[in-house]
């Protein structure tokens, strides 16, 4: 038997992940079997088990493939820090909303993760890792607000953890509701405007982005 090259193996892995996104989106995670994903990807179940231990492992890899790009954007923004550290959070939030609106994979993953996945049974194993990721961003936000307060960009009366939880709630609430019903409001324009409204309510003011 001819062994697959690394490139061919990666192509197979990506095909499985692409198929899983589509099948999970259509049927939900709990109602989808690995056999259905294999059929959609045009591979055998053995090929899936070669790359992934089980459905939870596949799902986690699917999430990391998409949202790992957000980590890359964060690293890029951290290389060119602004005087006001909250501006990093603002730019990252705008980037996230833009990707949800314009990148089908981002939209599918948000819709699947929030609306079509029950974190019970075999899926409970990855719940903690996803919570850890969310908590990391919450801590990052809290630290940015703390530094902003120390540098005089945020009123001394504002508690950094309070501000971070509020920002997370605004972003999550916008995306959660928009993925349920895109006709409810235009996320591309309402999202940045509402984030800026929240930040200005804390006493932070930012100049509008050019081209927005």
N, C-alpha and C. Protein backbone atom coordinates (compact mmCIF):
# COMPACT_ATOMS: atom_id res chain seq x y z
N UNK A 1 0.85 -1.19 0.00
CA UNK A 1 0.00 0.00 0.00
C UNK A 1 0.89 1.24 0.00
N UNK A 2 0.54 2.21 -0.82
CA UNK A 2 1.29 3.44 -0.89
C UNK A 2 0.88 4.35 0.27
N UNK A 3 1.85 4.80 1.03
CA UNK A 3 1.58 5.68 2.16
C UNK A 3 1.25 7.08 1.66
N UNK A 4 0.29 7.70 2.29
CA UNK A 4 -0.07 9.06 1.90
C UNK A 4 1.01 10.04 2.32
N UNK A 5 1.19 11.05 1.50
CA UNK A 5 2.12 12.12 1.87
C UNK A 5 1.45 12.98 2.94
N UNK A 6 2.27 13.81 3.59
CA UNK A 6 1.72 14.71 4.60
C UNK A 6 0.69 15.64 3.99
N UNK A 7 0.94 16.08 2.75
CA UNK A 7 0.00 16.98 2.08
C UNK A 7 -1.34 16.29 1.83
N UNK A 8 -1.27 15.05 1.39
CA UNK A 8 -2.50 14.29 1.13
C UNK A 8 -3.26 14.03 2.42
N UNK A 9 -2.53 13.72 3.48
CA UNK A 9 -3.16 13.48 4.77
C UNK A 9 -3.85 14.74 5.28
N UNK A 10 -3.20 15.89 5.07
CA UNK A 10 -3.79 17.15 5.49
C UNK A 10 -5.04 17.47 4.67
N UNK A 11 -4.99 17.16 3.38
CA UNK A 11 -6.16 17.37 2.53
C UNK A 11 -7.34 16.53 3.00
N UNK A 12 -7.06 15.28 3.37
CA UNK A 12 -8.11 14.41 3.88
C UNK A 12 -8.68 14.95 5.18
N UNK A 13 -7.79 15.39 6.05
CA UNK A 13 -8.23 15.94 7.34
C UNK A 13 -9.12 17.16 7.13
N UNK A 14 -8.70 18.04 6.23
CA UNK A 14 -9.50 19.24 5.96
C UNK A 14 -10.84 18.89 5.34
N UNK A 15 -10.86 17.87 4.47
CA UNK A 15 -12.11 17.45 3.84
C UNK A 15 -13.08 16.93 4.90
N UNK A 16 -12.55 16.21 5.87
CA UNK A 16 -13.39 15.70 6.97
C UNK A 16 -13.96 16.85 7.79
N UNK A 17 -13.11 17.82 8.11
CA UNK A 17 -13.55 18.97 8.90
C UNK A 17 -14.57 19.80 8.13
N UNK A 18 -14.34 19.99 6.82
CA UNK A 18 -15.30 20.74 5.99
C UNK A 18 -16.65 20.05 5.99
N UNK A 19 -16.63 18.71 5.81
CA UNK A 19 -17.88 17.96 5.77
C UNK A 19 -18.58 18.01 7.13
N UNK A 20 -17.81 17.90 8.21
CA UNK A 20 -18.40 17.94 9.54
C UNK A 20 -19.11 19.26 9.80
N UNK A 21 -18.52 20.35 9.37
CA UNK A 21 -19.17 21.66 9.53
C UNK A 21 -20.55 21.66 8.91
N UNK A 22 -20.63 21.17 7.67
CA UNK A 22 -21.89 21.21 6.94
C UNK A 22 -22.93 20.26 7.54
N UNK A 23 -22.49 19.05 7.92
CA UNK A 23 -23.43 18.07 8.47
C UNK A 23 -23.88 18.47 9.87
N UNK A 24 -22.96 18.95 10.69
CA UNK A 24 -23.33 19.42 12.02
C UNK A 24 -24.31 20.59 11.92
N UNK A 25 -24.06 21.49 10.98
CA UNK A 25 -24.94 22.64 10.82
C UNK A 25 -26.35 22.20 10.42
N UNK A 26 -26.44 21.20 9.57
CA UNK A 26 -27.75 20.75 9.07
C UNK A 26 -28.51 19.91 10.10
N UNK A 27 -27.80 19.01 10.78
CA UNK A 27 -28.49 18.05 11.65
C UNK A 27 -28.23 18.24 13.14
N UNK A 28 -27.25 19.07 13.50
CA UNK A 28 -26.87 19.19 14.90
C UNK A 28 -25.81 18.16 15.25
N UNK A 29 -25.06 18.41 16.30
CA UNK A 29 -23.93 17.56 16.65
C UNK A 29 -24.40 16.21 17.19
N UNK A 30 -25.34 16.21 18.12
CA UNK A 30 -25.75 14.96 18.75
C UNK A 30 -26.44 14.01 17.78
N UNK A 31 -27.07 14.54 16.74
CA UNK A 31 -27.82 13.71 15.79
C UNK A 31 -26.98 13.31 14.58
N UNK A 32 -25.71 13.64 14.60
CA UNK A 32 -24.82 13.32 13.49
C UNK A 32 -23.87 12.20 13.88
N UNK A 33 -23.73 11.21 13.02
CA UNK A 33 -22.80 10.11 13.28
C UNK A 33 -21.53 10.31 12.47
N UNK A 34 -20.47 9.65 12.89
CA UNK A 34 -19.22 9.70 12.14
C UNK A 34 -19.39 9.08 10.77
N UNK A 35 -20.28 8.10 10.65
CA UNK A 35 -20.54 7.49 9.35
C UNK A 35 -21.12 8.51 8.37
N UNK A 36 -22.00 9.39 8.87
CA UNK A 36 -22.59 10.42 8.02
C UNK A 36 -21.53 11.43 7.58
N UNK A 37 -20.63 11.76 8.49
CA UNK A 37 -19.55 12.69 8.14
C UNK A 37 -18.62 12.05 7.12
N UNK A 38 -18.31 10.78 7.31
CA UNK A 38 -17.44 10.07 6.38
C UNK A 38 -18.06 10.06 4.98
N UNK A 39 -19.36 9.79 4.92
CA UNK A 39 -20.04 9.76 3.62
C UNK A 39 -20.01 11.13 2.96
N UNK A 40 -20.25 12.17 3.74
CA UNK A 40 -20.24 13.54 3.19
C UNK A 40 -18.85 13.94 2.72
N UNK A 41 -17.82 13.43 3.39
CA UNK A 41 -16.44 13.77 3.03
C UNK A 41 -15.89 12.87 1.93
N UNK A 42 -16.60 11.77 1.63
CA UNK A 42 -16.12 10.84 0.62
C UNK A 42 -14.95 10.00 1.10
N UNK A 43 -14.93 9.70 2.42
CA UNK A 43 -13.87 8.87 2.98
C UNK A 43 -14.50 7.75 3.80
N UNK A 44 -13.68 6.83 4.27
CA UNK A 44 -14.16 5.75 5.12
C UNK A 44 -14.17 6.20 6.58
N UNK A 45 -14.90 5.45 7.42
CA UNK A 45 -14.87 5.75 8.86
C UNK A 45 -13.47 5.54 9.41
N UNK A 46 -12.76 4.59 8.81
CA UNK A 46 -11.38 4.36 9.24
C UNK A 46 -10.52 5.59 9.04
N UNK A 47 -10.77 6.32 7.96
CA UNK A 47 -10.01 7.55 7.70
C UNK A 47 -10.28 8.59 8.78
N UNK A 48 -11.52 8.65 9.24
CA UNK A 48 -11.85 9.59 10.31
C UNK A 48 -11.12 9.20 11.59
N UNK A 49 -11.13 7.91 11.92
CA UNK A 49 -10.46 7.47 13.15
C UNK A 49 -8.93 7.57 13.05
N UNK A 50 -8.43 7.66 11.84
CA UNK A 50 -6.99 7.88 11.67
C UNK A 50 -6.61 9.28 12.15
N UNK A 51 -7.51 10.23 11.90
CA UNK A 51 -7.23 11.62 12.24
C UNK A 51 -7.82 12.07 13.58
N UNK A 52 -8.93 11.43 14.00
CA UNK A 52 -9.63 11.89 15.21
C UNK A 52 -10.03 10.70 16.08
N UNK A 53 -9.90 10.87 17.38
CA UNK A 53 -10.20 9.77 18.30
C UNK A 53 -11.69 9.46 18.35
N UNK A 54 -12.53 10.49 18.26
CA UNK A 54 -13.98 10.33 18.35
C UNK A 54 -14.64 11.61 17.85
N UNK A 55 -15.95 11.68 17.98
CA UNK A 55 -16.68 12.85 17.48
C UNK A 55 -16.33 14.12 18.26
N UNK A 56 -16.11 13.98 19.56
CA UNK A 56 -15.74 15.15 20.36
C UNK A 56 -14.39 15.70 19.91
N UNK A 57 -13.44 14.82 19.63
CA UNK A 57 -12.12 15.24 19.16
C UNK A 57 -12.23 15.93 17.81
N UNK A 58 -13.07 15.40 16.93
CA UNK A 58 -13.28 16.02 15.62
C UNK A 58 -13.90 17.41 15.78
N UNK A 59 -14.91 17.50 16.65
CA UNK A 59 -15.58 18.78 16.87
C UNK A 59 -14.61 19.82 17.42
N UNK A 60 -13.79 19.40 18.37
CA UNK A 60 -12.82 20.33 18.96
C UNK A 60 -11.82 20.81 17.91
N UNK A 61 -11.37 19.91 17.04
CA UNK A 61 -10.44 20.30 15.97
C UNK A 61 -11.10 21.27 15.00
N UNK A 62 -12.38 21.07 14.76
CA UNK A 62 -13.13 21.95 13.87
C UNK A 62 -13.22 23.36 14.46
N UNK A 63 -13.47 23.43 15.76
CA UNK A 63 -13.53 24.73 16.44
C UNK A 63 -12.17 25.41 16.42
N UNK A 64 -11.12 24.66 16.75
CA UNK A 64 -9.78 25.24 16.81
C UNK A 64 -9.32 25.72 15.43
N UNK A 65 -9.71 25.01 14.37
CA UNK A 65 -9.29 25.42 13.03
C UNK A 65 -9.83 26.80 12.67
N UNK A 66 -11.06 27.05 13.06
CA UNK A 66 -11.69 28.34 12.74
C UNK A 66 -11.26 29.42 13.71
N UNK A 67 -11.41 29.17 15.01
CA UNK A 67 -11.15 30.22 15.99
C UNK A 67 -9.67 30.38 16.31
N UNK A 68 -8.83 29.46 15.82
CA UNK A 68 -7.40 29.67 15.93
C UNK A 68 -6.96 30.90 15.15
N UNK A 69 -7.75 31.22 14.12
CA UNK A 69 -7.46 32.43 13.34
C UNK A 69 -7.66 33.69 14.20
N UNK A 70 -8.56 33.60 15.16
CA UNK A 70 -8.77 34.74 16.06
C UNK A 70 -7.56 34.93 16.96
N UNK A 71 -6.95 33.82 17.37
CA UNK A 71 -5.72 33.89 18.16
C UNK A 71 -4.62 34.55 17.36
N UNK A 72 -4.55 34.23 16.07
CA UNK A 72 -3.53 34.83 15.21
C UNK A 72 -3.75 36.33 15.09
N UNK A 73 -5.01 36.75 14.97
CA UNK A 73 -5.32 38.18 14.89
C UNK A 73 -4.95 38.88 16.18
N UNK A 74 -5.21 38.25 17.31
CA UNK A 74 -4.84 38.83 18.60
C UNK A 74 -3.34 39.03 18.68
N UNK A 75 -2.57 38.02 18.26
CA UNK A 75 -1.11 38.12 18.29
C UNK A 75 -0.64 39.26 17.39
N UNK A 76 -1.28 39.42 16.26
CA UNK A 76 -0.93 40.51 15.33
C UNK A 76 -1.18 41.87 15.96
N UNK A 77 -2.33 42.01 16.62
CA UNK A 77 -2.67 43.29 17.25
C UNK A 77 -1.76 43.59 18.43
N UNK A 78 -1.33 42.55 19.15
CA UNK A 78 -0.47 42.76 20.30
C UNK A 78 0.92 43.22 19.90
N UNK A 79 1.31 42.98 18.64
CA UNK A 79 2.62 43.41 18.17
C UNK A 79 2.67 44.92 17.93
N UNK A 80 1.50 45.54 17.75
CA UNK A 80 1.44 46.99 17.53
C UNK A 80 0.47 47.59 18.53
N UNK A 81 0.85 47.62 19.80
CA UNK A 81 -0.05 48.08 20.85
C UNK A 81 -0.38 49.57 20.73
N UNK A 82 -1.61 49.91 21.07
CA UNK A 82 -2.04 51.30 21.11
C UNK A 82 -1.81 51.86 22.51
N UNK A 83 -1.81 53.18 22.59
CA UNK A 83 -1.62 53.80 23.90
C UNK A 83 -2.75 53.40 24.84
N UNK A 84 -3.96 53.32 24.30
CA UNK A 84 -5.09 52.88 25.09
C UNK A 84 -5.27 51.37 24.87
N UNK A 85 -5.02 50.54 25.86
CA UNK A 85 -5.07 49.08 25.68
C UNK A 85 -6.45 48.55 25.31
N UNK A 86 -7.51 49.29 25.62
CA UNK A 86 -8.85 48.83 25.27
C UNK A 86 -9.06 48.85 23.75
N UNK A 87 -8.25 49.65 23.05
CA UNK A 87 -8.39 49.69 21.60
C UNK A 87 -8.08 48.33 20.99
N UNK A 88 -7.20 47.54 21.63
CA UNK A 88 -6.93 46.19 21.15
C UNK A 88 -8.19 45.34 21.23
N UNK A 89 -8.91 45.44 22.35
CA UNK A 89 -10.15 44.69 22.50
C UNK A 89 -11.16 45.11 21.45
N UNK A 90 -11.24 46.40 21.21
CA UNK A 90 -12.20 46.94 20.23
C UNK A 90 -11.90 46.42 18.83
N UNK A 91 -10.62 46.46 18.44
CA UNK A 91 -10.25 46.00 17.11
C UNK A 91 -10.48 44.49 16.97
N UNK A 92 -10.18 43.74 18.04
CA UNK A 92 -10.39 42.30 18.00
C UNK A 92 -11.88 41.98 17.89
N UNK A 93 -12.70 42.72 18.61
CA UNK A 93 -14.16 42.51 18.55
C UNK A 93 -14.68 42.81 17.15
N UNK A 94 -14.20 43.91 16.56
CA UNK A 94 -14.64 44.27 15.21
C UNK A 94 -14.22 43.19 14.21
N UNK A 95 -13.01 42.67 14.39
CA UNK A 95 -12.51 41.61 13.50
C UNK A 95 -13.39 40.37 13.63
N UNK A 96 -13.73 39.99 14.85
CA UNK A 96 -14.57 38.82 15.08
C UNK A 96 -15.93 38.98 14.42
N UNK A 97 -16.56 40.13 14.59
CA UNK A 97 -17.87 40.36 13.99
C UNK A 97 -17.78 40.33 12.46
N UNK A 98 -16.71 40.91 11.92
CA UNK A 98 -16.54 40.92 10.46
C UNK A 98 -16.42 39.50 9.92
N UNK A 99 -15.69 38.65 10.64
CA UNK A 99 -15.52 37.28 10.18
C UNK A 99 -16.82 36.50 10.29
N UNK A 100 -17.57 36.71 11.34
CA UNK A 100 -18.85 36.03 11.49
C UNK A 100 -19.79 36.38 10.34
N UNK A 101 -19.77 37.65 9.94
CA UNK A 101 -20.64 38.11 8.86
C UNK A 101 -20.17 37.61 7.50
N UNK A 102 -18.87 37.62 7.26
CA UNK A 102 -18.36 37.40 5.91
C UNK A 102 -17.69 36.05 5.66
N UNK A 103 -17.35 35.31 6.71
CA UNK A 103 -16.68 34.03 6.54
C UNK A 103 -17.66 32.91 6.89
N UNK A 104 -18.08 32.11 5.90
CA UNK A 104 -19.07 31.05 6.15
C UNK A 104 -18.64 30.08 7.25
N UNK A 105 -17.34 29.76 7.33
CA UNK A 105 -16.88 28.83 8.36
C UNK A 105 -17.06 29.42 9.75
N UNK A 106 -16.76 30.71 9.90
CA UNK A 106 -16.97 31.37 11.19
C UNK A 106 -18.44 31.31 11.57
N UNK A 107 -19.30 31.65 10.62
CA UNK A 107 -20.74 31.65 10.91
C UNK A 107 -21.20 30.25 11.29
N UNK A 108 -20.77 29.24 10.52
CA UNK A 108 -21.19 27.88 10.83
C UNK A 108 -20.75 27.46 12.22
N UNK A 109 -19.50 27.79 12.59
CA UNK A 109 -18.99 27.36 13.88
C UNK A 109 -19.71 28.05 15.03
N UNK A 110 -20.03 29.32 14.87
CA UNK A 110 -20.78 30.01 15.92
C UNK A 110 -22.18 29.42 16.04
N UNK A 111 -22.82 29.21 14.90
CA UNK A 111 -24.17 28.64 14.91
C UNK A 111 -24.18 27.24 15.53
N UNK A 112 -23.22 26.41 15.14
CA UNK A 112 -23.15 25.05 15.67
C UNK A 112 -22.85 25.07 17.17
N UNK A 113 -21.83 25.83 17.57
CA UNK A 113 -21.39 25.84 18.97
C UNK A 113 -22.47 26.35 19.91
N UNK A 114 -23.22 27.36 19.49
CA UNK A 114 -24.18 28.00 20.37
C UNK A 114 -25.61 27.48 20.22
N UNK A 115 -25.94 26.94 19.06
CA UNK A 115 -27.33 26.55 18.82
C UNK A 115 -27.54 25.07 18.51
N UNK A 116 -26.49 24.37 18.13
CA UNK A 116 -26.70 23.01 17.63
C UNK A 116 -25.77 21.98 18.28
N UNK A 117 -25.34 22.26 19.49
CA UNK A 117 -24.47 21.33 20.20
C UNK A 117 -24.87 21.27 21.66
N UNK A 118 -25.13 20.06 22.16
CA UNK A 118 -25.40 19.86 23.57
C UNK A 118 -24.12 19.33 24.22
N UNK A 119 -23.61 20.06 25.20
CA UNK A 119 -22.35 19.67 25.83
C UNK A 119 -22.61 18.65 26.94
N UNK A 120 -23.12 17.49 26.50
CA UNK A 120 -23.38 16.37 27.41
C UNK A 120 -22.79 15.11 26.77
N UNK A 121 -22.72 14.03 27.56
CA UNK A 121 -22.18 12.79 27.01
C UNK A 121 -20.74 12.97 26.57
N UNK A 122 -20.43 12.48 25.38
CA UNK A 122 -19.06 12.57 24.89
C UNK A 122 -18.64 14.01 24.63
N UNK A 123 -19.59 14.89 24.40
CA UNK A 123 -19.24 16.29 24.13
C UNK A 123 -18.91 17.06 25.41
N UNK A 124 -19.26 16.51 26.57
CA UNK A 124 -18.97 17.19 27.83
C UNK A 124 -17.47 17.33 28.06
N UNK A 125 -16.70 16.45 27.44
CA UNK A 125 -15.25 16.45 27.66
C UNK A 125 -14.59 17.72 27.15
N UNK A 126 -15.18 18.34 26.10
CA UNK A 126 -14.54 19.53 25.53
C UNK A 126 -15.13 20.82 26.09
N UNK A 127 -16.17 20.70 26.92
CA UNK A 127 -16.81 21.90 27.46
C UNK A 127 -15.82 22.72 28.29
N UNK A 128 -15.04 22.04 29.11
CA UNK A 128 -14.11 22.75 29.97
C UNK A 128 -13.04 23.50 29.18
N UNK A 129 -12.56 22.89 28.08
CA UNK A 129 -11.53 23.56 27.28
C UNK A 129 -12.10 24.80 26.61
N UNK A 130 -13.36 24.74 26.19
CA UNK A 130 -13.98 25.91 25.56
C UNK A 130 -14.26 27.00 26.60
N UNK A 131 -14.65 26.57 27.81
CA UNK A 131 -14.84 27.54 28.89
C UNK A 131 -13.52 28.21 29.25
N UNK A 132 -12.45 27.43 29.24
CA UNK A 132 -11.13 27.97 29.55
C UNK A 132 -10.73 29.04 28.54
N UNK A 133 -11.06 28.79 27.27
CA UNK A 133 -10.75 29.77 26.22
C UNK A 133 -11.54 31.06 26.45
N UNK A 134 -12.83 30.91 26.78
CA UNK A 134 -13.66 32.09 27.05
C UNK A 134 -13.16 32.86 28.26
N UNK A 135 -12.75 32.14 29.28
CA UNK A 135 -12.22 32.80 30.48
C UNK A 135 -10.91 33.52 30.21
N UNK A 136 -10.12 32.99 29.27
CA UNK A 136 -8.86 33.65 28.92
C UNK A 136 -9.12 35.01 28.28
N UNK A 137 -10.11 35.06 27.41
CA UNK A 137 -10.44 36.34 26.78
C UNK A 137 -11.06 37.31 27.79
N UNK A 138 -11.80 36.76 28.74
CA UNK A 138 -12.35 37.62 29.78
C UNK A 138 -11.23 38.21 30.62
N UNK A 139 -10.23 37.41 30.96
CA UNK A 139 -9.08 37.90 31.72
C UNK A 139 -8.28 38.92 30.93
N UNK A 140 -8.12 38.67 29.62
CA UNK A 140 -7.43 39.62 28.76
C UNK A 140 -8.15 40.96 28.75
N UNK A 141 -9.47 40.90 28.66
CA UNK A 141 -10.27 42.13 28.64
C UNK A 141 -10.17 42.86 29.97
N UNK A 142 -10.25 42.11 31.05
CA UNK A 142 -10.16 42.73 32.37
C UNK A 142 -8.83 43.44 32.56
N UNK A 143 -7.74 42.81 32.12
CA UNK A 143 -6.42 43.42 32.25
C UNK A 143 -6.32 44.68 31.39
N UNK A 144 -6.91 44.65 30.19
CA UNK A 144 -6.88 45.84 29.33
C UNK A 144 -7.64 47.00 29.97
N UNK A 145 -8.79 46.71 30.54
CA UNK A 145 -9.56 47.76 31.22
C UNK A 145 -8.81 48.27 32.45
N UNK A 146 -8.13 47.38 33.15
CA UNK A 146 -7.36 47.79 34.33
C UNK A 146 -6.25 48.76 33.92
N UNK A 147 -5.53 48.41 32.86
CA UNK A 147 -4.46 49.28 32.38
C UNK A 147 -5.01 50.61 31.87
N UNK A 148 -6.16 50.54 31.20
CA UNK A 148 -6.78 51.77 30.70
C UNK A 148 -7.15 52.70 31.85
N UNK A 149 -7.62 52.12 32.95
CA UNK A 149 -7.96 52.93 34.12
C UNK A 149 -6.71 53.55 34.73
N UNK A 150 -5.63 52.77 34.80
CA UNK A 150 -4.38 53.29 35.36
C UNK A 150 -3.81 54.42 34.51
N UNK A 151 -4.02 54.36 33.20
CA UNK A 151 -3.47 55.38 32.30
C UNK A 151 -4.41 56.56 32.08
N UNK A 152 -5.55 56.53 32.76
CA UNK A 152 -6.47 57.66 32.68
C UNK A 152 -7.44 57.62 31.53
N UNK A 153 -7.53 56.50 30.81
CA UNK A 153 -8.48 56.39 29.71
C UNK A 153 -9.86 55.95 30.19
N UNK A 154 -9.91 55.43 31.41
CA UNK A 154 -11.15 54.92 31.97
C UNK A 154 -11.36 55.55 33.34
N UNK A 155 -12.56 56.00 33.66
CA UNK A 155 -12.80 56.61 34.97
C UNK A 155 -12.42 55.66 36.10
N UNK A 156 -11.91 56.22 37.18
CA UNK A 156 -11.47 55.42 38.32
C UNK A 156 -12.62 54.65 38.96
N UNK A 157 -13.86 55.11 38.74
CA UNK A 157 -15.02 54.46 39.35
C UNK A 157 -15.41 53.16 38.65
N UNK A 158 -14.87 52.91 37.46
CA UNK A 158 -15.24 51.72 36.70
C UNK A 158 -14.39 50.53 37.14
N UNK A 159 -15.04 49.45 37.51
CA UNK A 159 -14.36 48.23 37.94
C UNK A 159 -14.00 47.41 36.69
N UNK A 160 -12.73 47.08 36.48
CA UNK A 160 -12.31 46.38 35.26
C UNK A 160 -13.06 45.09 34.97
N UNK A 161 -13.31 44.27 36.00
CA UNK A 161 -14.03 43.01 35.76
C UNK A 161 -15.46 43.28 35.30
N UNK A 162 -16.08 44.27 35.90
CA UNK A 162 -17.43 44.69 35.50
C UNK A 162 -17.43 45.10 34.04
N UNK A 163 -16.45 45.92 33.63
CA UNK A 163 -16.39 46.39 32.25
C UNK A 163 -16.14 45.24 31.28
N UNK A 164 -15.30 44.29 31.67
CA UNK A 164 -14.98 43.15 30.80
C UNK A 164 -16.19 42.25 30.60
N UNK A 165 -16.92 41.98 31.68
CA UNK A 165 -18.12 41.15 31.58
C UNK A 165 -19.16 41.83 30.69
N UNK A 166 -19.28 43.13 30.83
CA UNK A 166 -20.23 43.88 30.01
C UNK A 166 -19.89 43.81 28.53
N UNK A 167 -18.60 43.98 28.20
CA UNK A 167 -18.19 43.92 26.80
C UNK A 167 -18.44 42.53 26.22
N UNK A 168 -18.10 41.50 26.98
CA UNK A 168 -18.33 40.14 26.52
C UNK A 168 -19.82 39.89 26.29
N UNK A 169 -20.65 40.42 27.17
CA UNK A 169 -22.10 40.23 27.05
C UNK A 169 -22.65 40.92 25.81
N UNK A 170 -22.13 42.11 25.51
CA UNK A 170 -22.57 42.82 24.31
C UNK A 170 -22.22 42.04 23.05
N UNK A 171 -20.97 41.59 22.96
CA UNK A 171 -20.52 40.87 21.77
C UNK A 171 -21.26 39.54 21.62
N UNK A 172 -21.32 38.77 22.71
CA UNK A 172 -21.98 37.47 22.64
C UNK A 172 -23.47 37.63 22.34
N UNK A 173 -24.10 38.63 22.95
CA UNK A 173 -25.52 38.85 22.72
C UNK A 173 -25.82 39.21 21.27
N UNK A 174 -24.99 40.05 20.69
CA UNK A 174 -25.16 40.43 19.29
C UNK A 174 -25.07 39.22 18.38
N UNK A 175 -24.00 38.44 18.56
CA UNK A 175 -23.77 37.30 17.67
C UNK A 175 -24.80 36.20 17.91
N UNK A 176 -25.14 35.96 19.16
CA UNK A 176 -26.12 34.93 19.49
C UNK A 176 -27.46 35.21 18.81
N UNK A 177 -27.93 36.43 18.91
CA UNK A 177 -29.23 36.77 18.33
C UNK A 177 -29.18 36.85 16.81
N UNK A 178 -28.08 37.35 16.26
CA UNK A 178 -27.98 37.46 14.80
C UNK A 178 -27.90 36.09 14.14
N UNK A 179 -27.22 35.15 14.77
CA UNK A 179 -27.15 33.81 14.19
C UNK A 179 -28.48 33.07 14.28
N UNK A 180 -29.33 33.48 15.19
CA UNK A 180 -30.67 32.92 15.25
C UNK A 180 -31.56 33.49 14.15
N UNK A 181 -31.39 34.78 13.85
CA UNK A 181 -32.23 35.44 12.86
C UNK A 181 -31.47 36.61 12.23
N UNK A 182 -30.91 36.38 11.05
CA UNK A 182 -30.13 37.41 10.38
C UNK A 182 -30.97 38.63 10.01
N UNK A 183 -32.28 38.45 9.90
CA UNK A 183 -33.15 39.56 9.52
C UNK A 183 -33.42 40.51 10.69
N UNK A 184 -33.00 40.10 11.88
CA UNK A 184 -33.29 40.90 13.07
C UNK A 184 -32.61 42.26 13.02
N UNK A 185 -31.34 42.28 12.58
CA UNK A 185 -30.59 43.54 12.45
C UNK A 185 -29.34 43.25 11.63
N UNK A 186 -28.74 44.29 11.01
CA UNK A 186 -27.50 44.09 10.25
C UNK A 186 -26.29 44.10 11.19
N UNK A 187 -25.75 42.93 11.45
CA UNK A 187 -24.65 42.82 12.40
C UNK A 187 -23.43 43.64 11.97
N UNK A 188 -23.16 43.69 10.68
CA UNK A 188 -21.96 44.37 10.18
C UNK A 188 -21.94 45.85 10.58
N UNK A 189 -23.11 46.50 10.61
CA UNK A 189 -23.15 47.92 10.98
C UNK A 189 -23.57 48.13 12.43
N UNK A 190 -24.52 47.35 12.91
CA UNK A 190 -24.98 47.53 14.28
C UNK A 190 -23.92 47.10 15.30
N UNK A 191 -23.19 46.03 14.99
CA UNK A 191 -22.23 45.49 15.94
C UNK A 191 -21.19 46.51 16.39
N UNK A 192 -20.38 47.04 15.46
CA UNK A 192 -19.37 48.03 15.87
C UNK A 192 -19.98 49.25 16.55
N UNK A 193 -21.14 49.71 16.04
CA UNK A 193 -21.76 50.90 16.63
C UNK A 193 -22.20 50.64 18.07
N UNK A 194 -22.74 49.46 18.34
CA UNK A 194 -23.19 49.14 19.70
C UNK A 194 -22.02 48.91 20.64
N UNK A 195 -20.94 48.33 20.13
CA UNK A 195 -19.73 48.17 20.96
C UNK A 195 -19.18 49.54 21.34
N UNK A 196 -19.13 50.45 20.36
CA UNK A 196 -18.64 51.80 20.67
C UNK A 196 -19.58 52.52 21.63
N UNK A 197 -20.88 52.28 21.51
CA UNK A 197 -21.83 52.88 22.44
C UNK A 197 -21.58 52.39 23.86
N UNK A 198 -21.31 51.09 23.98
CA UNK A 198 -21.01 50.52 25.31
C UNK A 198 -19.73 51.14 25.87
N UNK A 199 -18.67 51.19 25.04
CA UNK A 199 -17.39 51.71 25.52
C UNK A 199 -17.49 53.20 25.88
N UNK A 200 -18.22 53.94 25.07
CA UNK A 200 -18.37 55.36 25.39
C UNK A 200 -19.17 55.55 26.66
N UNK A 201 -20.09 54.62 26.94
CA UNK A 201 -20.85 54.68 28.19
C UNK A 201 -19.98 54.46 29.41
N UNK A 202 -18.85 53.78 29.23
CA UNK A 202 -17.89 53.59 30.31
C UNK A 202 -16.98 54.81 30.48
N UNK A 203 -17.07 55.72 29.52
CA UNK A 203 -16.20 56.89 29.55
C UNK A 203 -15.06 56.80 28.57
N UNK A 204 -15.06 55.78 27.70
CA UNK A 204 -14.03 55.61 26.69
C UNK A 204 -14.57 56.11 25.35
N UNK A 205 -13.77 56.90 24.65
CA UNK A 205 -14.17 57.41 23.36
C UNK A 205 -13.14 57.03 22.31
N UNK A 206 -13.63 56.60 21.15
CA UNK A 206 -12.74 56.23 20.04
C UNK A 206 -13.20 56.93 18.78
N UNK A 207 -12.23 57.28 17.93
CA UNK A 207 -12.58 57.87 16.64
C UNK A 207 -13.17 56.79 15.75
N UNK A 208 -14.18 57.13 14.92
CA UNK A 208 -14.76 56.14 14.02
C UNK A 208 -13.70 55.57 13.07
N UNK A 209 -13.85 54.27 12.73
CA UNK A 209 -12.95 53.64 11.78
C UNK A 209 -13.20 54.18 10.39
N UNK A 210 -12.15 54.44 9.63
CA UNK A 210 -12.30 54.89 8.26
C UNK A 210 -12.91 53.77 7.42
N UNK A 211 -13.85 54.15 6.58
CA UNK A 211 -14.46 53.19 5.70
C UNK A 211 -15.60 52.42 6.30
N UNK A 212 -15.91 52.71 7.59
CA UNK A 212 -17.03 52.00 8.21
C UNK A 212 -18.31 52.76 7.97
